[in-house]
Amino acid sequence: MKITEFLAKDALTNDLQATTKVEVIQELVEILIESKSIEKKYKNKIVETLLAREALGSTAIGQGIAIPHGKSDSTDKLVAALGISKKGVNFDSLDGEPAHIFFLLVAPADSAGPHLKALARVSRLLKDKFFRDCLKNTKTPKDMLELISREDVRVG
């Protein structure tokens, strides 16, 4: 499974404005709506689902990365948004550091396999410090997508 299979081409920003965990999730869900990946009428429901998942334990995995995710009957396919925060946001990370890279995943309610494969794929890609640094330094969403596409092929 490649990230480009579920990351909407228009659901990327290298200039997240959010300053809190809730705002990050809201902003990334809004980006998914703008990219036509999810319908606007499901926004609140999806945000609630993602926040409920956060309440179980932070999805910030350390090294400046957070992967908020959840399952919802508001989508029939796995979709993702990617955001970069220049300042960083306190996301209750395991290492106590602010998160800068946010990969938000929303999967259909009945999809355990693809959801877990996507989480594993994103985690594997973001383990590489050089890749994370390159991603944080991209100038445009197009640059972000090109970098991910190249890395997707390289990592295989």
C-alpha atoms as a PDB file:
ATOM      1  CA  MET A   1       0.000   0.000   0.000  1.00  0.00           C
ATOM      2  CA  LYS A   2       1.369   3.378  -1.057  1.00  0.00           C
ATOM      3  CA  ILE A   3       0.600   6.601   0.801  1.00  0.00           C
ATOM      4  CA  THR A   4      -0.337   8.249  -2.481  1.00  0.00           C
ATOM      5  CA  GLU A   5      -3.214   5.736  -2.760  1.00  0.00           C
ATOM      6  CA  PHE A   6      -5.032   7.297   0.210  1.00  0.00           C
ATOM      7  CA  LEU A   7      -3.514  10.774   0.602  1.00  0.00           C
ATOM      8  CA  ALA A   8      -5.706  13.202  -1.326  1.00  0.00           C
ATOM      9  CA  LYS A   9      -3.583  15.311  -3.686  1.00  0.00           C
ATOM     10  CA  ASP A  10      -5.301  18.477  -2.445  1.00  0.00           C
ATOM     11  CA  ALA A  11      -5.260  17.575   1.263  1.00  0.00           C
ATOM     12  CA  LEU A  12      -1.818  18.873   2.139  1.00  0.00           C
ATOM     13  CA  THR A  13      -0.622  22.040   3.815  1.00  0.00           C
ATOM     14  CA  ASN A  14       2.825  23.086   4.924  1.00  0.00           C
ATOM     15  CA  ASP A  15       1.368  25.997   6.885  1.00  0.00           C
ATOM     16  CA  LEU A  16      -0.970  24.690   9.593  1.00  0.00           C
ATOM     17  CA  GLN A  17      -2.275  27.596  11.656  1.00  0.00           C
ATOM     18  CA  ALA A  18      -3.624  25.506  14.548  1.00  0.00           C
ATOM     19  CA  THR A  19      -2.117  25.977  18.000  1.00  0.00           C
ATOM     20  CA  THR A  20      -3.944  23.201  19.901  1.00  0.00           C
ATOM     21  CA  LYS A  21      -4.662  19.500  19.380  1.00  0.00           C
ATOM     22  CA  VAL A  22      -8.363  20.176  18.735  1.00  0.00           C
ATOM     23  CA  GLU A  23      -7.563  22.929  16.214  1.00  0.00           C
ATOM     24  CA  VAL A  24      -5.098  20.670  14.347  1.00  0.00           C
ATOM     25  CA  ILE A  25      -7.761  17.994  13.947  1.00  0.00           C
ATOM     26  CA  GLN A  26     -10.402  20.536  12.903  1.00  0.00           C
ATOM     27  CA  GLU A  27      -8.077  22.178  10.381  1.00  0.00           C
ATOM     28  CA  LEU A  28      -7.032  18.865   8.809  1.00  0.00           C
ATOM     29  CA  VAL A  29     -10.646  17.656   8.587  1.00  0.00           C
ATOM     30  CA  GLU A  30     -11.494  20.971   6.902  1.00  0.00           C
ATOM     31  CA  ILE A  31      -8.705  20.306   4.387  1.00  0.00           C
ATOM     32  CA  LEU A  32     -10.219  16.873   3.679  1.00  0.00           C
ATOM     33  CA  ILE A  33     -13.565  18.586   3.047  1.00  0.00           C
ATOM     34  CA  GLU A  34     -11.975  21.163   0.721  1.00  0.00           C
ATOM     35  CA  SER A  35     -10.289  18.339  -1.216  1.00  0.00           C
ATOM     36  CA  LYS A  36     -13.702  16.655  -1.631  1.00  0.00           C
ATOM     37  CA  SER A  37     -12.434  13.588   0.260  1.00  0.00           C
ATOM     38  CA  ILE A  38     -15.240  13.798   2.803  1.00  0.00           C
ATOM     39  CA  GLU A  39     -18.557  15.616   2.801  1.00  0.00           C
ATOM     40  CA  LYS A  40     -18.942  18.820   4.805  1.00  0.00           C
ATOM     41  CA  LYS A  41     -22.052  17.485   6.576  1.00  0.00           C
ATOM     42  CA  TYR A  42     -19.854  14.892   8.336  1.00  0.00           C
ATOM     43  CA  LYS A  43     -17.297  17.353   9.693  1.00  0.00           C
ATOM     44  CA  ASN A  44     -18.471  17.438  13.317  1.00  0.00           C
ATOM     45  CA  LYS A  45     -19.019  13.691  13.457  1.00  0.00           C
ATOM     46  CA  ILE A  46     -15.519  12.965  12.138  1.00  0.00           C
ATOM     47  CA  VAL A  47     -13.888  15.525  14.446  1.00  0.00           C
ATOM     48  CA  GLU A  48     -15.720  13.929  17.413  1.00  0.00           C
ATOM     49  CA  THR A  49     -14.523  10.458  16.330  1.00  0.00           C
ATOM     50  CA  LEU A  50     -10.907  11.639  16.090  1.00  0.00           C
ATOM     51  CA  LEU A  51     -11.054  13.425  19.454  1.00  0.00           C
ATOM     52  CA  ALA A  52     -12.593  10.341  21.072  1.00  0.00           C
ATOM     53  CA  ARG A  53      -9.637   8.338  19.774  1.00  0.00           C
ATOM     54  CA  GLU A  54      -7.237  10.946  21.199  1.00  0.00           C
ATOM     55  CA  ALA A  55      -8.973  10.619  24.580  1.00  0.00           C
ATOM     56  CA  LEU A  56      -7.883   6.959  24.665  1.00  0.00           C
ATOM     57  CA  GLY A  57      -4.251   8.015  24.304  1.00  0.00           C
ATOM     58  CA  SER A  58      -2.331  10.518  22.248  1.00  0.00           C
ATOM     59  CA  THR A  59      -1.565   9.632  18.646  1.00  0.00           C
ATOM     60  CA  ALA A  60       1.621  11.707  18.853  1.00  0.00           C
ATOM     61  CA  ILE A  61       4.352   9.089  18.533  1.00  0.00           C
ATOM     62  CA  GLY A  62       7.357  11.302  19.257  1.00  0.00           C
ATOM     63  CA  GLN A  63      10.052  12.845  17.069  1.00  0.00           C
ATOM     64  CA  GLY A  64       7.647  15.648  16.111  1.00  0.00           C
ATOM     65  CA  ILE A  65       5.064  13.287  14.573  1.00  0.00           C
ATOM     66  CA  ALA A  66       1.352  12.805  15.267  1.00  0.00           C
ATOM     67  CA  ILE A  67      -0.937  10.449  13.379  1.00  0.00           C
ATOM     68  CA  PRO A  68      -4.487  11.246  14.493  1.00  0.00           C
ATOM     69  CA  HIS A  69      -6.779   8.556  13.139  1.00  0.00           C
ATOM     70  CA  GLY A  70     -10.199   7.068  13.469  1.00  0.00           C
ATOM     71  CA  LYS A  71     -12.867   4.990  11.816  1.00  0.00           C
ATOM     72  CA  SER A  72     -16.130   6.487  10.639  1.00  0.00           C
ATOM     73  CA  ASP A  73     -19.192   5.435   8.712  1.00  0.00           C
ATOM     74  CA  SER A  74     -18.976   8.882   7.088  1.00  0.00           C
ATOM     75  CA  THR A  75     -16.476   7.612   4.511  1.00  0.00           C
ATOM     76  CA  ASP A  76     -16.425   4.568   2.291  1.00  0.00           C
ATOM     77  CA  LYS A  77     -12.679   4.632   1.647  1.00  0.00           C
ATOM     78  CA  LEU A  78      -9.492   5.396   3.542  1.00  0.00           C
ATOM     79  CA  VAL A  79      -8.570   9.093   3.242  1.00  0.00           C
ATOM     80  CA  ALA A  80      -5.718  11.131   4.653  1.00  0.00           C
ATOM     81  CA  ALA A  81      -4.578  14.714   5.073  1.00  0.00           C
ATOM     82  CA  LEU A  82      -1.055  15.902   5.846  1.00  0.00           C
ATOM     83  CA  GLY A  83      -0.174  19.106   7.636  1.00  0.00           C
ATOM     84  CA  ILE A  84       3.069  20.707   8.751  1.00  0.00           C
ATOM     85  CA  SER A  85       3.171  23.161  11.639  1.00  0.00           C
ATOM     86  CA  LYS A  86       6.192  25.454  11.606  1.00  0.00           C
ATOM     87  CA  LYS A  87       5.827  26.360  15.292  1.00  0.00           C
ATOM     88  CA  GLY A  88       4.838  22.905  16.514  1.00  0.00           C
ATOM     89  CA  VAL A  89       1.819  21.995  18.625  1.00  0.00           C
ATOM     90  CA  ASN A  90       1.627  20.313  22.015  1.00  0.00           C
ATOM     91  CA  PHE A  91      -0.054  17.002  21.140  1.00  0.00           C
ATOM     92  CA  ASP A  92       0.718  15.153  24.388  1.00  0.00           C
ATOM     93  CA  SER A  93       3.546  13.306  22.681  1.00  0.00           C
ATOM     94  CA  LEU A  94       5.266  10.342  24.297  1.00  0.00           C
ATOM     95  CA  ASP A  95       8.574  12.244  24.281  1.00  0.00           C
ATOM     96  CA  GLY A  96       7.045  15.526  25.501  1.00  0.00           C
ATOM     97  CA  GLU A  97       8.141  17.362  22.351  1.00  0.00           C
ATOM     98  CA  PRO A  98       5.759  19.428  20.191  1.00  0.00           C
ATOM     99  CA  ALA A  99       4.523  17.784  16.988  1.00  0.00           C
ATOM    100  CA  HIS A 100       5.243  19.399  13.622  1.00  0.00           C
ATOM    101  CA  ILE A 101       4.103  16.688  11.186  1.00  0.00           C
ATOM    102  CA  PHE A 102       0.455  15.651  11.314  1.00  0.00           C
ATOM    103  CA  PHE A 103      -0.830  12.769   9.216  1.00  0.00           C
ATOM    104  CA  LEU A 104      -4.583  12.473   9.749  1.00  0.00           C
ATOM    105  CA  LEU A 105      -6.309   9.255   8.667  1.00  0.00           C
ATOM    106  CA  VAL A 106     -10.029   8.526   8.435  1.00  0.00           C
ATOM    107  CA  ALA A 107     -11.048   4.979   7.549  1.00  0.00           C
ATOM    108  CA  PRO A 108     -14.406   3.330   6.956  1.00  0.00           C
ATOM    109  CA  ALA A 109     -15.927   1.901  10.151  1.00  0.00           C
ATOM    110  CA  ASP A 110     -15.579  -1.681   8.924  1.00  0.00           C
ATOM    111  CA  SER A 111     -11.981  -1.561   7.644  1.00  0.00           C
ATOM    112  CA  ALA A 112      -9.433  -2.940  10.086  1.00  0.00           C
ATOM    113  CA  GLY A 113      -6.876  -4.156   7.515  1.00  0.00           C
ATOM    114  CA  PRO A 114      -6.364  -1.070   5.328  1.00  0.00           C
ATOM    115  CA  HIS A 115      -6.467   1.233   8.379  1.00  0.00           C
ATOM    116  CA  LEU A 116      -3.681  -0.689  10.130  1.00  0.00           C
ATOM    117  CA  LYS A 117      -1.627  -1.010   6.928  1.00  0.00           C
ATOM    118  CA  ALA A 118      -1.892   2.753   6.396  1.00  0.00           C
ATOM    119  CA  LEU A 119      -0.772   3.482   9.963  1.00  0.00           C
ATOM    120  CA  ALA A 120       2.182   1.141   9.549  1.00  0.00           C
ATOM    121  CA  ARG A 121       3.112   2.658   6.181  1.00  0.00           C
ATOM    122  CA  VAL A 122       2.999   6.237   7.488  1.00  0.00           C
ATOM    123  CA  SER A 123       5.006   5.286  10.591  1.00  0.00           C
ATOM    124  CA  ARG A 124       7.651   3.534   8.485  1.00  0.00           C
ATOM    125  CA  LEU A 125       8.039   6.510   6.159  1.00  0.00           C
ATOM    126  CA  LEU A 126       8.278   9.017   9.010  1.00  0.00           C
ATOM    127  CA  LYS A 127      10.916   7.035  10.936  1.00  0.00           C
ATOM    128  CA  ASP A 128      13.567   8.500   8.646  1.00  0.00           C
ATOM    129  CA  LYS A 129      14.878  11.744  10.187  1.00  0.00           C
ATOM    130  CA  PHE A 130      16.227  13.028   6.860  1.00  0.00           C
ATOM    131  CA  PHE A 131      12.799  12.519   5.265  1.00  0.00           C
ATOM    132  CA  ARG A 132      11.046  14.273   8.193  1.00  0.00           C
ATOM    133  CA  ASP A 133      13.423  17.217   7.931  1.00  0.00           C
ATOM    134  CA  CYS A 134      12.902  17.454   4.161  1.00  0.00           C
ATOM    135  CA  LEU A 135       9.130  17.311   4.642  1.00  0.00           C
ATOM    136  CA  LYS A 136       9.215  20.092   7.263  1.00  0.00           C
ATOM    137  CA  ASN A 137      11.277  22.256   4.898  1.00  0.00           C
ATOM    138  CA  THR A 138       9.043  21.941   1.829  1.00  0.00           C
ATOM    139  CA  LYS A 139       7.874  25.231   0.394  1.00  0.00           C
ATOM    140  CA  THR A 140       4.543  24.191  -1.138  1.00  0.00           C
ATOM    141  CA  PRO A 141       1.947  21.412  -0.837  1.00  0.00           C
ATOM    142  CA  LYS A 142       3.038  20.306  -4.336  1.00  0.00           C
ATOM    143  CA  ASP A 143       6.608  19.865  -3.020  1.00  0.00           C
ATOM    144  CA  MET A 144       5.199  17.814  -0.124  1.00  0.00           C
ATOM    145  CA  LEU A 145       3.345  15.489  -2.493  1.00  0.00           C
ATOM    146  CA  GLU A 146       6.373  15.072  -4.766  1.00  0.00           C
ATOM    147  CA  LEU A 147       8.594  14.235  -1.789  1.00  0.00           C
ATOM    148  CA  ILE A 148       6.101  11.674  -0.479  1.00  0.00           C
ATOM    149  CA  SER A 149       5.690  10.131  -3.933  1.00  0.00           C
ATOM    150  CA  ARG A 150       9.474   9.729  -4.306  1.00  0.00           C
ATOM    151  CA  GLU A 151       9.855   8.273  -0.806  1.00  0.00           C
ATOM    152  CA  ASP A 152       6.853   5.971  -1.346  1.00  0.00           C
ATOM    153  CA  VAL A 153       8.646   4.435  -4.333  1.00  0.00           C
ATOM    154  CA  ARG A 154      12.049   4.317  -2.601  1.00  0.00           C
ATOM    155  CA  VAL A 155      10.781   2.599   0.553  1.00  0.00           C
ATOM    156  CA  GLY A 156       8.729   0.196  -1.577  1.00  0.00           C
END
